[in-house]
């Protein structure tokens, strides 16, 4: 049941994208919104496109990087 929910949730938000692409989008000011849910980030890009990415445990600088781009 949880797998079905996760698949539906990812599909409704534009699919799953790798974390490296997300960081690149942040660095290039392409992220309008990043909503954190558990270990995932629901991303809305500047052009309105949406995707989900998984937060790796080792990125301790993520929050500071996002705040710099605010």
N, C-alpha and C. Protein backbone atom coordinates (compact mmCIF):
# COMPACT_ATOMS: atom_id res chain seq x y z
N UNK A 1 0.83 -1.19 0.00
CA UNK A 1 0.00 0.00 0.00
C UNK A 1 0.87 1.26 0.00
N UNK A 2 1.91 1.29 0.82
CA UNK A 2 2.79 2.46 0.89
C UNK A 2 3.49 2.67 -0.44
N UNK A 3 3.90 1.60 -1.10
CA UNK A 3 4.57 1.71 -2.40
C UNK A 3 3.64 2.36 -3.41
N UNK A 4 2.37 1.95 -3.41
CA UNK A 4 1.41 2.54 -4.33
C UNK A 4 1.24 4.03 -4.05
N UNK A 5 1.18 4.42 -2.79
CA UNK A 5 1.06 5.83 -2.44
C UNK A 5 2.28 6.60 -2.90
N UNK A 6 3.46 6.05 -2.66
CA UNK A 6 4.69 6.74 -3.05
C UNK A 6 4.76 6.89 -4.56
N UNK A 7 4.38 5.87 -5.30
CA UNK A 7 4.40 5.96 -6.76
C UNK A 7 3.42 7.00 -7.25
N UNK A 8 2.22 7.01 -6.69
CA UNK A 8 1.23 8.00 -7.08
C UNK A 8 1.69 9.40 -6.73
N UNK A 9 2.23 9.58 -5.54
CA UNK A 9 2.69 10.88 -5.09
C UNK A 9 3.80 11.41 -6.00
N UNK A 10 4.76 10.59 -6.35
CA UNK A 10 5.86 11.01 -7.22
C UNK A 10 5.35 11.34 -8.61
N UNK A 11 4.44 10.54 -9.13
CA UNK A 11 3.93 10.78 -10.47
C UNK A 11 3.12 12.07 -10.53
N UNK A 12 2.35 12.36 -9.49
CA UNK A 12 1.53 13.56 -9.51
C UNK A 12 2.37 14.82 -9.37
N UNK A 13 3.61 14.67 -8.91
CA UNK A 13 4.46 15.85 -8.76
C UNK A 13 5.50 15.95 -9.86
N UNK A 14 5.37 15.18 -10.93
CA UNK A 14 6.29 15.30 -12.05
C UNK A 14 7.38 14.26 -12.08
N UNK A 15 7.38 13.32 -11.16
CA UNK A 15 8.38 12.27 -11.18
C UNK A 15 9.51 12.51 -10.21
N UNK A 16 10.40 11.55 -10.17
CA UNK A 16 11.55 11.63 -9.27
C UNK A 16 12.78 12.03 -10.07
N UNK A 17 13.51 13.00 -9.55
CA UNK A 17 14.74 13.49 -10.19
C UNK A 17 15.88 13.29 -9.21
N UNK A 18 17.06 13.05 -9.74
CA UNK A 18 18.21 12.81 -8.87
C UNK A 18 18.59 14.09 -8.11
N UNK A 19 19.24 13.90 -6.98
CA UNK A 19 19.61 14.99 -6.08
C UNK A 19 20.60 15.95 -6.72
N UNK A 20 21.48 15.45 -7.57
CA UNK A 20 22.46 16.30 -8.25
C UNK A 20 21.77 17.33 -9.14
N UNK A 21 20.70 16.92 -9.82
CA UNK A 21 19.93 17.85 -10.65
C UNK A 21 19.28 18.92 -9.78
N UNK A 22 18.75 18.51 -8.63
CA UNK A 22 18.14 19.47 -7.71
C UNK A 22 19.16 20.52 -7.27
N UNK A 23 20.36 20.09 -6.87
CA UNK A 23 21.40 21.03 -6.43
C UNK A 23 21.77 21.96 -7.58
N UNK A 24 21.87 21.44 -8.78
CA UNK A 24 22.16 22.27 -9.95
C UNK A 24 21.07 23.31 -10.17
N UNK A 25 19.80 22.89 -10.02
CA UNK A 25 18.68 23.83 -10.16
C UNK A 25 18.76 24.93 -9.10
N UNK A 26 19.12 24.57 -7.87
CA UNK A 26 19.26 25.57 -6.80
C UNK A 26 20.36 26.56 -7.15
N UNK A 27 21.51 26.05 -7.56
CA UNK A 27 22.65 26.92 -7.89
C UNK A 27 22.36 27.85 -9.06
N UNK A 28 21.48 27.41 -9.97
CA UNK A 28 21.14 28.22 -11.14
C UNK A 28 19.84 29.00 -10.97
N UNK A 29 19.39 29.15 -9.71
CA UNK A 29 18.18 29.92 -9.38
C UNK A 29 16.95 29.44 -10.15
N UNK A 30 16.82 28.12 -10.30
CA UNK A 30 15.70 27.53 -11.01
C UNK A 30 14.62 26.97 -10.08
N UNK A 31 14.82 27.09 -8.77
CA UNK A 31 13.86 26.53 -7.81
C UNK A 31 13.03 27.65 -7.20
N UNK A 32 11.73 27.59 -7.42
CA UNK A 32 10.81 28.55 -6.83
C UNK A 32 10.43 28.13 -5.42
N UNK A 33 10.20 26.82 -5.22
CA UNK A 33 9.78 26.32 -3.91
C UNK A 33 10.37 24.93 -3.67
N UNK A 34 10.77 24.68 -2.45
CA UNK A 34 11.24 23.36 -2.04
C UNK A 34 10.53 23.00 -0.74
N UNK A 35 9.65 22.02 -0.81
CA UNK A 35 8.87 21.60 0.36
C UNK A 35 9.42 20.27 0.87
N UNK A 36 9.83 20.27 2.13
CA UNK A 36 10.43 19.08 2.73
C UNK A 36 9.34 18.21 3.34
N UNK A 37 9.35 16.92 2.99
CA UNK A 37 8.45 15.93 3.57
C UNK A 37 9.26 14.68 3.87
N UNK A 38 9.49 14.43 5.13
CA UNK A 38 10.32 13.29 5.57
C UNK A 38 11.69 13.37 4.90
N UNK A 39 12.04 12.38 4.10
CA UNK A 39 13.35 12.37 3.45
C UNK A 39 13.28 12.79 1.98
N UNK A 40 12.19 13.45 1.60
CA UNK A 40 12.01 13.90 0.22
C UNK A 40 11.86 15.42 0.15
N UNK A 41 12.16 15.97 -1.01
CA UNK A 41 11.92 17.38 -1.28
C UNK A 41 11.00 17.45 -2.48
N UNK A 42 9.86 18.13 -2.32
CA UNK A 42 8.94 18.37 -3.42
C UNK A 42 9.31 19.71 -4.01
N UNK A 43 9.76 19.71 -5.25
CA UNK A 43 10.35 20.89 -5.88
C UNK A 43 9.41 21.47 -6.92
N UNK A 44 9.25 22.80 -6.87
CA UNK A 44 8.58 23.53 -7.95
C UNK A 44 9.62 24.45 -8.55
N UNK A 45 9.85 24.28 -9.85
CA UNK A 45 10.86 25.09 -10.53
C UNK A 45 10.29 26.45 -10.91
N UNK A 46 11.15 27.35 -11.31
CA UNK A 46 10.75 28.70 -11.70
C UNK A 46 9.76 28.67 -12.86
N UNK A 47 9.86 27.66 -13.73
CA UNK A 47 8.95 27.56 -14.88
C UNK A 47 7.66 26.81 -14.56
N UNK A 48 7.47 26.41 -13.28
CA UNK A 48 6.27 25.72 -12.86
C UNK A 48 6.37 24.20 -12.88
N UNK A 49 7.41 23.66 -13.49
CA UNK A 49 7.60 22.20 -13.51
C UNK A 49 7.84 21.71 -12.08
N UNK A 50 7.39 20.48 -11.81
CA UNK A 50 7.53 19.92 -10.47
C UNK A 50 8.21 18.57 -10.53
N UNK A 51 8.95 18.25 -9.47
CA UNK A 51 9.53 16.93 -9.32
C UNK A 51 9.83 16.68 -7.85
N UNK A 52 10.17 15.45 -7.54
CA UNK A 52 10.53 15.03 -6.19
C UNK A 52 11.96 14.51 -6.22
N UNK A 53 12.70 14.78 -5.16
CA UNK A 53 14.04 14.20 -5.01
C UNK A 53 14.20 13.70 -3.59
N UNK A 54 15.12 12.79 -3.39
CA UNK A 54 15.38 12.20 -2.07
C UNK A 54 16.60 12.89 -1.47
N UNK A 55 16.49 13.27 -0.20
CA UNK A 55 17.58 13.96 0.50
C UNK A 55 18.61 12.93 0.97
N UNK A 56 19.86 13.07 0.54
CA UNK A 56 20.88 12.17 1.07
C UNK A 56 21.23 12.56 2.51
N UNK A 57 21.57 11.61 3.32
CA UNK A 57 21.87 11.87 4.73
C UNK A 57 23.10 12.74 4.92
N UNK A 58 24.03 12.72 3.98
CA UNK A 58 25.31 13.40 4.20
C UNK A 58 25.34 14.87 3.81
N UNK A 59 24.25 15.46 3.30
CA UNK A 59 24.29 16.86 2.88
C UNK A 59 23.91 17.79 4.04
N UNK A 60 24.87 18.07 4.89
CA UNK A 60 24.63 18.91 6.07
C UNK A 60 24.50 20.39 5.71
N UNK A 61 24.90 20.79 4.51
CA UNK A 61 24.86 22.19 4.10
C UNK A 61 23.62 22.56 3.31
N UNK A 62 22.70 21.63 3.10
CA UNK A 62 21.55 21.87 2.25
C UNK A 62 20.75 23.09 2.68
N UNK A 63 20.37 23.18 3.93
CA UNK A 63 19.54 24.29 4.39
C UNK A 63 20.24 25.62 4.17
N UNK A 64 21.50 25.72 4.51
CA UNK A 64 22.24 26.97 4.29
C UNK A 64 22.32 27.33 2.82
N UNK A 65 22.53 26.33 1.95
CA UNK A 65 22.58 26.59 0.51
C UNK A 65 21.26 27.14 0.00
N UNK A 66 20.15 26.59 0.49
CA UNK A 66 18.83 27.07 0.06
C UNK A 66 18.58 28.49 0.57
N UNK A 67 18.95 28.75 1.81
CA UNK A 67 18.72 30.08 2.37
C UNK A 67 19.54 31.15 1.65
N UNK A 68 20.70 30.82 1.16
CA UNK A 68 21.52 31.77 0.40
C UNK A 68 20.84 32.19 -0.90
N UNK A 69 20.02 31.30 -1.47
CA UNK A 69 19.36 31.56 -2.75
C UNK A 69 18.00 32.21 -2.58
N UNK A 70 17.57 32.40 -1.36
CA UNK A 70 16.24 32.96 -1.09
C UNK A 70 16.11 34.36 -1.61
